[in-house]
Amino acid sequence: MTTPAPEQISDALSPVRAELLRAAHAEAKVLLDRAERDAAARVDEARVEARTIRDAARRRGEADGADAARDLLVRARREARSRILSARREAYEELRRQAAERLREVRRTDEYPSLRQRLEHRARVLIGPGAEITEHADGGVVAQTAGRRVDLSLTALADRALDRMGGEARTLWEP
């Protein structure tokens, strides 16, 4: 039996990656829409709060009010930025969770045994034929040899796929 080249293994996993990216984009769009609505509402609240704070500061007096308004406005802007970043982080974490969940669903398909064999083979290519390979609780495999470990669990594969999207993933929720 000949060991397939890494390019062949990568080619064999291309449909999985393509489906994962398609599903991730679809899920991300839904999450993005929700996160944008939430972020817009939070920004509007922060703007209202900033205006209220600024107006109150003006009424306290010109000298004291100007300094106080600047400080309060900075805080309100920081809070608005914090809320936006929090909403984006939540959207990204939800995207990661749903992508991993979708990939774990592969375990219930007829294609899973073939995928698991390919993952086992890939693990042996990566760390050697003497690797101890175990099934991961979420699906996929984990392989170990003395001092080396490779995680090819479905959850890890989903995380890596999103990580490879890098900046592209951020465009899903940025205006």
C-alpha atoms as a PDB file:
ATOM      1  CA  MET A   1       0.000   0.000   0.000  1.00  0.00           C
ATOM      2  CA  THR A   2       1.439   3.365  -0.973  1.00  0.00           C
ATOM      3  CA  THR A   3       1.036   6.343   1.230  1.00  0.00           C
ATOM      4  CA  PRO A   4      -0.817   9.117  -0.577  1.00  0.00           C
ATOM      5  CA  ALA A   5       1.026  12.376  -0.910  1.00  0.00           C
ATOM      6  CA  PRO A   6      -0.087  15.217   1.380  1.00  0.00           C
ATOM      7  CA  GLU A   7      -1.530  16.947  -1.691  1.00  0.00           C
ATOM      8  CA  GLN A   8      -3.756  13.924  -2.323  1.00  0.00           C
ATOM      9  CA  ILE A   9      -4.942  13.956   1.274  1.00  0.00           C
ATOM     10  CA  SER A  10      -5.555  17.674   1.071  1.00  0.00           C
ATOM     11  CA  ASP A  11      -7.444  17.118  -2.210  1.00  0.00           C
ATOM     12  CA  ALA A  12      -9.523  14.392  -0.558  1.00  0.00           C
ATOM     13  CA  LEU A  13     -10.497  16.803   2.210  1.00  0.00           C
ATOM     14  CA  SER A  14     -11.318  19.631  -0.225  1.00  0.00           C
ATOM     15  CA  PRO A  15     -15.053  18.790  -0.397  1.00  0.00           C
ATOM     16  CA  VAL A  16     -15.221  18.773   3.395  1.00  0.00           C
ATOM     17  CA  ARG A  17     -13.418  22.120   3.557  1.00  0.00           C
ATOM     18  CA  ALA A  18     -15.624  23.560   0.815  1.00  0.00           C
ATOM     19  CA  GLU A  19     -18.804  22.447   2.554  1.00  0.00           C
ATOM     20  CA  LEU A  20     -17.531  23.718   5.884  1.00  0.00           C
ATOM     21  CA  LEU A  21     -16.710  27.114   4.365  1.00  0.00           C
ATOM     22  CA  ARG A  22     -20.108  27.270   2.638  1.00  0.00           C
ATOM     23  CA  ALA A  23     -21.923  26.365   5.843  1.00  0.00           C
ATOM     24  CA  ALA A  24     -19.735  28.743   7.850  1.00  0.00           C
ATOM     25  CA  HIS A  25     -20.488  31.602   5.455  1.00  0.00           C
ATOM     26  CA  ALA A  26     -24.221  30.906   5.626  1.00  0.00           C
ATOM     27  CA  GLU A  27     -24.209  30.658   9.413  1.00  0.00           C
ATOM     28  CA  ALA A  28     -21.938  33.680   9.672  1.00  0.00           C
ATOM     29  CA  LYS A  29     -24.340  35.737   7.551  1.00  0.00           C
ATOM     30  CA  VAL A  30     -27.207  34.919   9.907  1.00  0.00           C
ATOM     31  CA  LEU A  31     -25.029  35.636  12.931  1.00  0.00           C
ATOM     32  CA  LEU A  32     -23.662  38.779  11.324  1.00  0.00           C
ATOM     33  CA  ASP A  33     -27.136  40.131  10.634  1.00  0.00           C
ATOM     34  CA  ARG A  34     -28.127  39.479  14.228  1.00  0.00           C
ATOM     35  CA  ALA A  35     -24.870  40.915  15.584  1.00  0.00           C
ATOM     36  CA  GLU A  36     -25.167  44.011  13.390  1.00  0.00           C
ATOM     37  CA  ARG A  37     -28.694  44.672  14.621  1.00  0.00           C
ATOM     38  CA  ASP A  38     -27.553  44.166  18.202  1.00  0.00           C
ATOM     39  CA  ALA A  39     -24.449  46.291  17.712  1.00  0.00           C
ATOM     40  CA  ALA A  40     -26.485  49.062  16.040  1.00  0.00           C
ATOM     41  CA  ALA A  41     -28.952  49.056  18.923  1.00  0.00           C
ATOM     42  CA  ARG A  42     -26.115  49.150  21.431  1.00  0.00           C
ATOM     43  CA  VAL A  43     -24.409  51.973  19.559  1.00  0.00           C
ATOM     44  CA  ASP A  44     -27.688  53.916  19.423  1.00  0.00           C
ATOM     45  CA  GLU A  45     -28.128  53.443  23.172  1.00  0.00           C
ATOM     46  CA  ALA A  46     -24.564  54.565  23.763  1.00  0.00           C
ATOM     47  CA  ARG A  47     -25.066  57.611  21.550  1.00  0.00           C
ATOM     48  CA  VAL A  48     -28.244  58.561  23.407  1.00  0.00           C
ATOM     49  CA  GLU A  49     -26.431  58.080  26.690  1.00  0.00           C
ATOM     50  CA  ALA A  50     -23.483  60.138  25.422  1.00  0.00           C
ATOM     51  CA  ARG A  51     -25.801  62.967  24.353  1.00  0.00           C
ATOM     52  CA  THR A  52     -27.558  62.926  27.714  1.00  0.00           C
ATOM     53  CA  ILE A  53     -24.258  62.964  29.564  1.00  0.00           C
ATOM     54  CA  ARG A  54     -22.885  65.717  27.327  1.00  0.00           C
ATOM     55  CA  ASP A  55     -25.999  67.880  27.793  1.00  0.00           C
ATOM     56  CA  ALA A  56     -25.905  67.433  31.566  1.00  0.00           C
ATOM     57  CA  ALA A  57     -22.249  68.415  31.600  1.00  0.00           C
ATOM     58  CA  ARG A  58     -22.975  71.604  29.672  1.00  0.00           C
ATOM     59  CA  ARG A  59     -25.626  72.600  32.193  1.00  0.00           C
ATOM     60  CA  ARG A  60     -23.125  72.301  35.054  1.00  0.00           C
ATOM     61  CA  GLY A  61     -21.142  75.189  33.797  1.00  0.00           C
ATOM     62  CA  GLU A  62     -18.854  76.209  31.001  1.00  0.00           C
ATOM     63  CA  ALA A  63     -15.512  75.639  32.698  1.00  0.00           C
ATOM     64  CA  ASP A  64     -16.304  72.445  34.600  1.00  0.00           C
ATOM     65  CA  GLY A  65     -18.759  71.195  32.006  1.00  0.00           C
ATOM     66  CA  ALA A  66     -16.329  71.231  29.102  1.00  0.00           C
ATOM     67  CA  ASP A  67     -13.811  68.981  30.867  1.00  0.00           C
ATOM     68  CA  ALA A  68     -16.487  66.698  32.260  1.00  0.00           C
ATOM     69  CA  ALA A  69     -18.210  66.375  28.888  1.00  0.00           C
ATOM     70  CA  ARG A  70     -14.969  65.326  27.225  1.00  0.00           C
ATOM     71  CA  ASP A  71     -14.327  62.717  29.894  1.00  0.00           C
ATOM     72  CA  LEU A  72     -17.867  61.399  29.764  1.00  0.00           C
ATOM     73  CA  LEU A  73     -17.923  61.335  25.986  1.00  0.00           C
ATOM     74  CA  VAL A  74     -14.658  59.398  25.915  1.00  0.00           C
ATOM     75  CA  ARG A  75     -16.120  56.881  28.348  1.00  0.00           C
ATOM     76  CA  ALA A  76     -19.332  56.628  26.336  1.00  0.00           C
ATOM     77  CA  ARG A  77     -17.331  56.055  23.152  1.00  0.00           C
ATOM     78  CA  ARG A  78     -15.217  53.441  24.912  1.00  0.00           C
ATOM     79  CA  GLU A  79     -18.353  51.750  26.180  1.00  0.00           C
ATOM     80  CA  ALA A  80     -19.908  51.819  22.709  1.00  0.00           C
ATOM     81  CA  ARG A  81     -16.706  50.372  21.241  1.00  0.00           C
ATOM     82  CA  SER A  82     -16.603  47.751  23.977  1.00  0.00           C
ATOM     83  CA  ARG A  83     -20.189  46.754  23.230  1.00  0.00           C
ATOM     84  CA  ILE A  84     -19.491  46.507  19.501  1.00  0.00           C
ATOM     85  CA  LEU A  85     -16.411  44.373  20.118  1.00  0.00           C
ATOM     86  CA  SER A  86     -18.349  42.225  22.558  1.00  0.00           C
ATOM     87  CA  ALA A  87     -21.129  41.677  20.016  1.00  0.00           C
ATOM     88  CA  ARG A  88     -18.547  40.769  17.365  1.00  0.00           C
ATOM     89  CA  ARG A  89     -16.781  38.387  19.743  1.00  0.00           C
ATOM     90  CA  GLU A  90     -20.081  36.739  20.608  1.00  0.00           C
ATOM     91  CA  ALA A  91     -20.915  36.386  16.908  1.00  0.00           C
ATOM     92  CA  TYR A  92     -17.526  34.821  16.191  1.00  0.00           C
ATOM     93  CA  GLU A  93     -17.801  32.419  19.140  1.00  0.00           C
ATOM     94  CA  GLU A  94     -21.284  31.439  18.001  1.00  0.00           C
ATOM     95  CA  LEU A  95     -19.940  30.894  14.485  1.00  0.00           C
ATOM     96  CA  ARG A  96     -17.174  28.646  15.878  1.00  0.00           C
ATOM     97  CA  ARG A  97     -19.666  26.713  17.972  1.00  0.00           C
ATOM     98  CA  GLN A  98     -22.088  26.203  15.119  1.00  0.00           C
ATOM     99  CA  ALA A  99     -19.340  25.274  12.650  1.00  0.00           C
ATOM    100  CA  ALA A 100     -18.022  22.628  15.066  1.00  0.00           C
ATOM    101  CA  GLU A 101     -21.549  21.385  15.702  1.00  0.00           C
ATOM    102  CA  ARG A 102     -22.237  21.080  11.977  1.00  0.00           C
ATOM    103  CA  LEU A 103     -19.004  19.198  11.420  1.00  0.00           C
ATOM    104  CA  ARG A 104     -19.768  16.864  14.331  1.00  0.00           C
ATOM    105  CA  GLU A 105     -23.006  16.001  12.541  1.00  0.00           C
ATOM    106  CA  VAL A 106     -20.816  14.307   9.917  1.00  0.00           C
ATOM    107  CA  ARG A 107     -20.434  11.434  12.423  1.00  0.00           C
ATOM    108  CA  ARG A 108     -24.031  10.439  11.739  1.00  0.00           C
ATOM    109  CA  THR A 109     -23.520  10.156   7.978  1.00  0.00           C
ATOM    110  CA  ASP A 110     -22.526   7.179   5.860  1.00  0.00           C
ATOM    111  CA  GLU A 111     -19.370   9.061   4.807  1.00  0.00           C
ATOM    112  CA  TYR A 112     -17.979   9.253   8.341  1.00  0.00           C
ATOM    113  CA  PRO A 113     -16.174   5.861   8.373  1.00  0.00           C
ATOM    114  CA  SER A 114     -14.311   6.825   5.192  1.00  0.00           C
ATOM    115  CA  LEU A 115     -13.474  10.263   6.615  1.00  0.00           C
ATOM    116  CA  ARG A 116     -12.259   8.691   9.856  1.00  0.00           C
ATOM    117  CA  GLN A 117      -9.976   6.360   7.904  1.00  0.00           C
ATOM    118  CA  ARG A 118      -8.549   9.307   5.968  1.00  0.00           C
ATOM    119  CA  LEU A 119      -7.993  11.187   9.235  1.00  0.00           C
ATOM    120  CA  GLU A 120      -6.222   8.149  10.736  1.00  0.00           C
ATOM    121  CA  HIS A 121      -4.047   7.893   7.653  1.00  0.00           C
ATOM    122  CA  ARG A 122      -3.248  11.623   7.812  1.00  0.00           C
ATOM    123  CA  ALA A 123      -2.329  11.289  11.491  1.00  0.00           C
ATOM    124  CA  ARG A 124       0.073   8.450  10.695  1.00  0.00           C
ATOM    125  CA  VAL A 125       1.623  10.501   7.887  1.00  0.00           C
ATOM    126  CA  LEU A 126       2.081  13.427  10.263  1.00  0.00           C
ATOM    127  CA  ILE A 127       3.610  11.627  13.246  1.00  0.00           C
ATOM    128  CA  GLY A 128       4.570   8.187  12.044  1.00  0.00           C
ATOM    129  CA  PRO A 129       3.199   4.688  11.599  1.00  0.00           C
ATOM    130  CA  GLY A 130       3.649   3.792  15.282  1.00  0.00           C
ATOM    131  CA  ALA A 131       1.134   6.397  16.410  1.00  0.00           C
ATOM    132  CA  GLU A 132      -1.495   5.434  18.945  1.00  0.00           C
ATOM    133  CA  ILE A 133      -4.767   6.622  17.435  1.00  0.00           C
ATOM    134  CA  THR A 134      -7.937   7.122  19.433  1.00  0.00           C
ATOM    135  CA  GLU A 135     -11.384   8.339  18.501  1.00  0.00           C
ATOM    136  CA  HIS A 136     -12.136  11.822  19.801  1.00  0.00           C
ATOM    137  CA  ALA A 137     -15.388  12.247  21.745  1.00  0.00           C
ATOM    138  CA  ASP A 138     -16.596  14.809  19.183  1.00  0.00           C
ATOM    139  CA  GLY A 139     -15.560  12.668  16.211  1.00  0.00           C
ATOM    140  CA  GLY A 140     -12.329  12.479  14.299  1.00  0.00           C
ATOM    141  CA  VAL A 141      -9.114  11.171  15.797  1.00  0.00           C
ATOM    142  CA  VAL A 142      -6.242  12.087  18.081  1.00  0.00           C
ATOM    143  CA  ALA A 143      -2.850  10.463  17.478  1.00  0.00           C
ATOM    144  CA  GLN A 144       0.111  10.279  19.853  1.00  0.00           C
ATOM    145  CA  THR A 145       3.644   9.030  19.881  1.00  0.00           C
ATOM    146  CA  ALA A 146       6.381   9.738  22.383  1.00  0.00           C
ATOM    147  CA  GLY A 147       6.527  13.508  22.668  1.00  0.00           C
ATOM    148  CA  ARG A 148       4.179  14.211  19.739  1.00  0.00           C
ATOM    149  CA  ARG A 149       0.430  14.630  19.448  1.00  0.00           C
ATOM    150  CA  VAL A 150      -1.825  15.553  16.564  1.00  0.00           C
ATOM    151  CA  ASP A 151      -5.477  16.507  17.014  1.00  0.00           C
ATOM    152  CA  LEU A 152      -7.606  15.720  13.987  1.00  0.00           C
ATOM    153  CA  SER A 153     -10.888  15.860  15.866  1.00  0.00           C
ATOM    154  CA  LEU A 154     -13.837  17.316  13.999  1.00  0.00           C
ATOM    155  CA  THR A 155     -13.925  20.206  16.463  1.00  0.00           C
ATOM    156  CA  ALA A 156     -10.238  20.981  15.881  1.00  0.00           C
ATOM    157  CA  LEU A 157     -10.730  20.762  12.111  1.00  0.00           C
ATOM    158  CA  ALA A 158     -13.633  23.235  12.307  1.00  0.00           C
ATOM    159  CA  ASP A 159     -11.531  25.616  14.430  1.00  0.00           C
ATOM    160  CA  ARG A 160      -8.610  25.379  11.995  1.00  0.00           C
ATOM    161  CA  ALA A 161     -10.872  26.059   9.027  1.00  0.00           C
ATOM    162  CA  LEU A 162     -12.192  29.222  10.694  1.00  0.00           C
ATOM    163  CA  ASP A 163      -8.662  30.235  11.700  1.00  0.00           C
ATOM    164  CA  ARG A 164      -7.531  29.853   8.079  1.00  0.00           C
ATOM    165  CA  MET A 165     -10.312  32.233   7.072  1.00  0.00           C
ATOM    166  CA  GLY A 166      -8.447  34.835   9.153  1.00  0.00           C
ATOM    167  CA  GLY A 167      -9.395  38.308   8.053  1.00  0.00           C
ATOM    168  CA  GLU A 168     -12.041  36.912   5.724  1.00  0.00           C
ATOM    169  CA  ALA A 169     -14.057  35.770   8.754  1.00  0.00           C
ATOM    170  CA  ARG A 170     -13.930  39.295  10.223  1.00  0.00           C
ATOM    171  CA  THR A 171     -15.520  40.698   7.053  1.00  0.00           C
ATOM    172  CA  LEU A 172     -18.646  38.708   7.890  1.00  0.00           C
ATOM    173  CA  TRP A 173     -19.612  41.142  10.660  1.00  0.00           C
ATOM    174  CA  GLU A 174     -17.801  44.344   9.787  1.00  0.00           C
ATOM    175  CA  PRO A 175     -19.658  47.043   7.864  1.00  0.00           C
END
